[in-house]
């Protein structure tokens, strides 16, 4: 998993829960990195899962809620650091459609070993889109947070419904309906 996910996770934790929480999560880590991450590195997915589970244990906030909140948080970083991707799209649906055919292609150029989720999109008229997320990492709630913030970014209020296609969460359908 890309290092930016780890560095921004700890930024979010520090912002919302304080440095002591970050320090505690790193101390509890059984991963090989000992909590040392760079935004351009690549790290085992299991380490972010461990950090999220440990944050859940400390805060009693449900894991899906933590992942969704983190997706919302990370969107701000993406919008700031990769504004060109956002500027290239004139609306939220155009942006969401560009994830698979453009954004992930560019990410793979920079990080050839990156294991990215896949997205299939289908518009159902001007006000509705179905987005299918597939990933063995099962982070649909994280994707939900990113999608919600994308709609806000483009000032397009929407209802986003999430449905598991596979019971294990490896394939999720988002039905996005603009208000």
C-alpha atoms as a PDB file:
ATOM      1  CA  UNK A   1       0.000   0.000   0.000  1.00  0.00           C
ATOM      2  CA  UNK A   2       1.276   3.466  -0.854  1.00  0.00           C
ATOM      3  CA  UNK A   3       3.014   5.296   1.956  1.00  0.00           C
ATOM      4  CA  UNK A   4       0.850   8.395   1.625  1.00  0.00           C
ATOM      5  CA  UNK A   5      -2.017   6.332   3.027  1.00  0.00           C
ATOM      6  CA  UNK A   6       0.029   5.627   6.168  1.00  0.00           C
ATOM      7  CA  UNK A   7       1.432   9.125   6.640  1.00  0.00           C
ATOM      8  CA  UNK A   8      -1.972  10.720   6.187  1.00  0.00           C
ATOM      9  CA  UNK A   9      -3.618   8.166   8.489  1.00  0.00           C
ATOM     10  CA  UNK A  10      -1.284   9.220  11.292  1.00  0.00           C
ATOM     11  CA  UNK A  11      -1.842  12.907  10.462  1.00  0.00           C
ATOM     12  CA  UNK A  12      -5.583  12.333  10.821  1.00  0.00           C
ATOM     13  CA  UNK A  13      -5.152  10.423  14.074  1.00  0.00           C
ATOM     14  CA  UNK A  14      -2.967  13.182  15.501  1.00  0.00           C
ATOM     15  CA  UNK A  15      -5.442  15.876  14.425  1.00  0.00           C
ATOM     16  CA  UNK A  16      -8.468  14.068  15.867  1.00  0.00           C
ATOM     17  CA  UNK A  17      -7.010  12.217  18.877  1.00  0.00           C
ATOM     18  CA  UNK A  18      -3.604  13.746  19.638  1.00  0.00           C
ATOM     19  CA  UNK A  19       0.003  12.738  19.327  1.00  0.00           C
ATOM     20  CA  UNK A  20      -0.197  10.351  22.272  1.00  0.00           C
ATOM     21  CA  UNK A  21      -2.661   8.218  20.304  1.00  0.00           C
ATOM     22  CA  UNK A  22      -0.301   8.129  17.313  1.00  0.00           C
ATOM     23  CA  UNK A  23       2.566   7.129  19.561  1.00  0.00           C
ATOM     24  CA  UNK A  24       0.446   4.420  21.186  1.00  0.00           C
ATOM     25  CA  UNK A  25      -0.600   2.970  17.820  1.00  0.00           C
ATOM     26  CA  UNK A  26       3.008   2.864  16.644  1.00  0.00           C
ATOM     27  CA  UNK A  27       4.119   1.194  19.888  1.00  0.00           C
ATOM     28  CA  UNK A  28       1.454  -1.501  19.432  1.00  0.00           C
ATOM     29  CA  UNK A  29       2.495  -2.147  15.839  1.00  0.00           C
ATOM     30  CA  UNK A  30       3.830  -5.601  15.080  1.00  0.00           C
ATOM     31  CA  UNK A  31       4.853  -4.621  11.539  1.00  0.00           C
ATOM     32  CA  UNK A  32       8.397  -4.566  10.264  1.00  0.00           C
ATOM     33  CA  UNK A  33       8.486  -0.788   9.722  1.00  0.00           C
ATOM     34  CA  UNK A  34       8.181   0.143  13.408  1.00  0.00           C
ATOM     35  CA  UNK A  35       5.825   2.939  12.385  1.00  0.00           C
ATOM     36  CA  UNK A  36       8.338   4.637  10.090  1.00  0.00           C
ATOM     37  CA  UNK A  37       6.609   5.494   6.809  1.00  0.00           C
ATOM     38  CA  UNK A  38       7.378   7.853   3.955  1.00  0.00           C
ATOM     39  CA  UNK A  39       4.714   9.119   1.601  1.00  0.00           C
ATOM     40  CA  UNK A  40       6.532   7.653  -1.414  1.00  0.00           C
ATOM     41  CA  UNK A  41       7.212   4.226   0.102  1.00  0.00           C
ATOM     42  CA  UNK A  42       5.189   1.053  -0.296  1.00  0.00           C
ATOM     43  CA  UNK A  43       4.170  -0.960   2.756  1.00  0.00           C
ATOM     44  CA  UNK A  44       2.178  -4.093   3.580  1.00  0.00           C
ATOM     45  CA  UNK A  45      -1.580  -3.547   3.652  1.00  0.00           C
ATOM     46  CA  UNK A  46      -1.730  -5.578   6.856  1.00  0.00           C
ATOM     47  CA  UNK A  47      -0.014  -2.751   8.715  1.00  0.00           C
ATOM     48  CA  UNK A  48      -2.737  -0.175   7.989  1.00  0.00           C
ATOM     49  CA  UNK A  49      -5.341  -2.761   8.960  1.00  0.00           C
ATOM     50  CA  UNK A  50      -3.539  -3.318  12.256  1.00  0.00           C
ATOM     51  CA  UNK A  51      -3.414   0.442  12.934  1.00  0.00           C
ATOM     52  CA  UNK A  52      -7.130   0.856  12.172  1.00  0.00           C
ATOM     53  CA  UNK A  53      -8.035  -2.114  14.399  1.00  0.00           C
ATOM     54  CA  UNK A  54      -5.889  -0.732  17.214  1.00  0.00           C
ATOM     55  CA  UNK A  55      -7.474   2.704  16.818  1.00  0.00           C
ATOM     56  CA  UNK A  56     -10.878   1.040  17.049  1.00  0.00           C
ATOM     57  CA  UNK A  57      -9.820  -0.707  20.272  1.00  0.00           C
ATOM     58  CA  UNK A  58      -8.628   2.578  21.771  1.00  0.00           C
ATOM     59  CA  UNK A  59     -11.586   4.726  20.710  1.00  0.00           C
ATOM     60  CA  UNK A  60     -14.438   2.187  20.435  1.00  0.00           C
ATOM     61  CA  UNK A  61     -15.350   3.824  17.113  1.00  0.00           C
ATOM     62  CA  UNK A  62     -16.598   1.214  14.654  1.00  0.00           C
ATOM     63  CA  UNK A  63     -14.037   0.199  12.021  1.00  0.00           C
ATOM     64  CA  UNK A  64     -16.332   1.111   9.082  1.00  0.00           C
ATOM     65  CA  UNK A  65     -16.758   4.598  10.579  1.00  0.00           C
ATOM     66  CA  UNK A  66     -12.997   4.984  11.033  1.00  0.00           C
ATOM     67  CA  UNK A  67     -12.348   3.943   7.433  1.00  0.00           C
ATOM     68  CA  UNK A  68     -15.049   6.263   6.090  1.00  0.00           C
ATOM     69  CA  UNK A  69     -13.695   9.177   8.120  1.00  0.00           C
ATOM     70  CA  UNK A  70     -10.199   8.434   6.895  1.00  0.00           C
ATOM     71  CA  UNK A  71     -11.410   8.379   3.277  1.00  0.00           C
ATOM     72  CA  UNK A  72     -13.000  11.783   3.821  1.00  0.00           C
ATOM     73  CA  UNK A  73      -9.803  13.078   5.394  1.00  0.00           C
ATOM     74  CA  UNK A  74      -7.519  11.718   2.682  1.00  0.00           C
ATOM     75  CA  UNK A  75      -9.653  13.328  -0.015  1.00  0.00           C
ATOM     76  CA  UNK A  76      -8.488  16.726   1.225  1.00  0.00           C
ATOM     77  CA  UNK A  77      -4.862  15.708   0.776  1.00  0.00           C
ATOM     78  CA  UNK A  78      -5.533  14.322  -2.698  1.00  0.00           C
ATOM     79  CA  UNK A  79      -7.401  17.483  -3.735  1.00  0.00           C
ATOM     80  CA  UNK A  80      -4.531  19.658  -2.515  1.00  0.00           C
ATOM     81  CA  UNK A  81      -1.555  17.594  -3.710  1.00  0.00           C
ATOM     82  CA  UNK A  82      -3.047  16.272  -6.949  1.00  0.00           C
ATOM     83  CA  UNK A  83      -5.269  19.175  -7.951  1.00  0.00           C
ATOM     84  CA  UNK A  84      -4.584  18.566 -11.639  1.00  0.00           C
ATOM     85  CA  UNK A  85      -6.683  15.415 -11.557  1.00  0.00           C
ATOM     86  CA  UNK A  86      -9.569  17.385 -10.074  1.00  0.00           C
ATOM     87  CA  UNK A  87      -9.094  20.304 -12.462  1.00  0.00           C
ATOM     88  CA  UNK A  88      -9.267  17.950 -15.450  1.00  0.00           C
ATOM     89  CA  UNK A  89     -12.840  16.969 -14.571  1.00  0.00           C
ATOM     90  CA  UNK A  90     -15.723  19.401 -14.871  1.00  0.00           C
ATOM     91  CA  UNK A  91     -17.966  17.516 -12.441  1.00  0.00           C
ATOM     92  CA  UNK A  92     -17.938  14.715  -9.878  1.00  0.00           C
ATOM     93  CA  UNK A  93     -19.141  11.989 -12.229  1.00  0.00           C
ATOM     94  CA  UNK A  94     -16.456  12.851 -14.785  1.00  0.00           C
ATOM     95  CA  UNK A  95     -13.883  12.672 -12.005  1.00  0.00           C
ATOM     96  CA  UNK A  96     -15.147   9.330 -10.682  1.00  0.00           C
ATOM     97  CA  UNK A  97     -15.102   7.900 -14.210  1.00  0.00           C
ATOM     98  CA  UNK A  98     -11.492   9.035 -14.601  1.00  0.00           C
ATOM     99  CA  UNK A  99     -10.208   7.042 -11.611  1.00  0.00           C
ATOM    100  CA  UNK A 100      -9.740   3.770 -13.476  1.00  0.00           C
ATOM    101  CA  UNK A 101      -8.904   5.001 -16.964  1.00  0.00           C
ATOM    102  CA  UNK A 102      -6.691   7.967 -16.059  1.00  0.00           C
ATOM    103  CA  UNK A 103      -5.751   8.473 -12.397  1.00  0.00           C
ATOM    104  CA  UNK A 104      -4.805   4.873 -11.643  1.00  0.00           C
ATOM    105  CA  UNK A 105      -2.870   4.704 -14.925  1.00  0.00           C
ATOM    106  CA  UNK A 106      -0.809   7.703 -13.813  1.00  0.00           C
ATOM    107  CA  UNK A 107      -0.316   6.284 -10.315  1.00  0.00           C
ATOM    108  CA  UNK A 108       0.971   3.029 -11.827  1.00  0.00           C
ATOM    109  CA  UNK A 109       3.528   4.994 -13.858  1.00  0.00           C
ATOM    110  CA  UNK A 110       4.951   6.406 -10.642  1.00  0.00           C
ATOM    111  CA  UNK A 111       4.459   3.277  -8.525  1.00  0.00           C
ATOM    112  CA  UNK A 112       4.533   0.226 -10.810  1.00  0.00           C
ATOM    113  CA  UNK A 113       4.118  -2.170  -7.880  1.00  0.00           C
ATOM    114  CA  UNK A 114       1.079  -0.374  -6.454  1.00  0.00           C
ATOM    115  CA  UNK A 115      -1.886  -2.660  -5.888  1.00  0.00           C
ATOM    116  CA  UNK A 116      -4.854  -0.439  -6.588  1.00  0.00           C
ATOM    117  CA  UNK A 117      -8.546  -1.231  -6.396  1.00  0.00           C
ATOM    118  CA  UNK A 118     -10.481  -1.300  -9.630  1.00  0.00           C
ATOM    119  CA  UNK A 119     -13.560   0.746 -10.418  1.00  0.00           C
ATOM    120  CA  UNK A 120     -16.245   0.227 -13.011  1.00  0.00           C
ATOM    121  CA  UNK A 121     -18.644   3.090 -13.603  1.00  0.00           C
ATOM    122  CA  UNK A 122     -21.963   3.368 -15.343  1.00  0.00           C
ATOM    123  CA  UNK A 123     -24.052   6.496 -15.603  1.00  0.00           C
ATOM    124  CA  UNK A 124     -27.782   6.134 -15.218  1.00  0.00           C
ATOM    125  CA  UNK A 125     -28.737   9.480 -16.689  1.00  0.00           C
ATOM    126  CA  UNK A 126     -27.433  12.879 -15.627  1.00  0.00           C
ATOM    127  CA  UNK A 127     -28.140  12.448 -11.916  1.00  0.00           C
ATOM    128  CA  UNK A 128     -27.154   8.889 -11.087  1.00  0.00           C
ATOM    129  CA  UNK A 129     -24.046   6.757 -11.325  1.00  0.00           C
ATOM    130  CA  UNK A 130     -23.274   3.205 -10.270  1.00  0.00           C
ATOM    131  CA  UNK A 131     -19.673   2.674  -9.260  1.00  0.00           C
ATOM    132  CA  UNK A 132     -18.360  -0.843  -8.619  1.00  0.00           C
ATOM    133  CA  UNK A 133     -15.320  -1.115  -6.338  1.00  0.00           C
ATOM    134  CA  UNK A 134     -13.233  -4.295  -6.355  1.00  0.00           C
ATOM    135  CA  UNK A 135     -10.331  -4.981  -4.027  1.00  0.00           C
ATOM    136  CA  UNK A 136      -9.066  -7.880  -1.973  1.00  0.00           C
ATOM    137  CA  UNK A 137      -8.270  -5.261   0.671  1.00  0.00           C
ATOM    138  CA  UNK A 138     -11.981  -4.810   1.388  1.00  0.00           C
ATOM    139  CA  UNK A 139     -11.892  -1.083   2.101  1.00  0.00           C
ATOM    140  CA  UNK A 140     -15.264  -0.101   0.671  1.00  0.00           C
ATOM    141  CA  UNK A 141     -15.966   2.190   3.627  1.00  0.00           C
ATOM    142  CA  UNK A 142     -12.735   4.045   2.876  1.00  0.00           C
ATOM    143  CA  UNK A 143     -13.866   4.430  -0.759  1.00  0.00           C
ATOM    144  CA  UNK A 144     -17.256   5.651   0.483  1.00  0.00           C
ATOM    145  CA  UNK A 145     -15.586   8.505   2.356  1.00  0.00           C
ATOM    146  CA  UNK A 146     -13.570   9.460  -0.737  1.00  0.00           C
ATOM    147  CA  UNK A 147     -16.704   9.404  -2.916  1.00  0.00           C
ATOM    148  CA  UNK A 148     -18.710  11.509  -0.464  1.00  0.00           C
ATOM    149  CA  UNK A 149     -15.991  14.152  -0.353  1.00  0.00           C
ATOM    150  CA  UNK A 150     -15.663  14.097  -4.133  1.00  0.00           C
ATOM    151  CA  UNK A 151     -19.328  15.006  -4.428  1.00  0.00           C
ATOM    152  CA  UNK A 152     -18.825  17.825  -1.910  1.00  0.00           C
ATOM    153  CA  UNK A 153     -15.681  19.036  -3.704  1.00  0.00           C
ATOM    154  CA  UNK A 154     -17.640  19.559  -6.910  1.00  0.00           C
ATOM    155  CA  UNK A 155     -20.535  21.090  -4.941  1.00  0.00           C
ATOM    156  CA  UNK A 156     -22.902  18.377  -6.120  1.00  0.00           C
ATOM    157  CA  UNK A 157     -24.965  17.166  -3.163  1.00  0.00           C
ATOM    158  CA  UNK A 158     -25.731  13.479  -3.466  1.00  0.00           C
ATOM    159  CA  UNK A 159     -27.026  10.439  -1.680  1.00  0.00           C
ATOM    160  CA  UNK A 160     -24.425   7.655  -1.760  1.00  0.00           C
ATOM    161  CA  UNK A 161     -25.667   4.153  -1.000  1.00  0.00           C
ATOM    162  CA  UNK A 162     -23.206   1.327  -0.492  1.00  0.00           C
ATOM    163  CA  UNK A 163     -24.120  -2.325  -1.053  1.00  0.00           C
ATOM    164  CA  UNK A 164     -21.861  -5.353  -0.755  1.00  0.00           C
ATOM    165  CA  UNK A 165     -21.899  -7.482  -3.882  1.00  0.00           C
ATOM    166  CA  UNK A 166     -19.557 -10.012  -2.291  1.00  0.00           C
ATOM    167  CA  UNK A 167     -20.206 -10.808   1.372  1.00  0.00           C
ATOM    168  CA  UNK A 168     -16.506 -10.437   2.201  1.00  0.00           C
ATOM    169  CA  UNK A 169     -16.510  -6.796   1.027  1.00  0.00           C
ATOM    170  CA  UNK A 170     -14.148  -7.420  -1.895  1.00  0.00           C
ATOM    171  CA  UNK A 171     -16.744  -6.124  -4.359  1.00  0.00           C
ATOM    172  CA  UNK A 172     -18.998  -3.214  -3.450  1.00  0.00           C
ATOM    173  CA  UNK A 173     -21.579  -1.238  -5.408  1.00  0.00           C
ATOM    174  CA  UNK A 174     -22.060   2.477  -4.812  1.00  0.00           C
ATOM    175  CA  UNK A 175     -25.251   4.068  -6.103  1.00  0.00           C
ATOM    176  CA  UNK A 176     -24.679   7.804  -6.289  1.00  0.00           C
ATOM    177  CA  UNK A 177     -27.762   9.950  -6.814  1.00  0.00           C
ATOM    178  CA  UNK A 178     -27.384  13.711  -7.079  1.00  0.00           C
ATOM    179  CA  UNK A 179     -29.913  15.669  -5.015  1.00  0.00           C
END
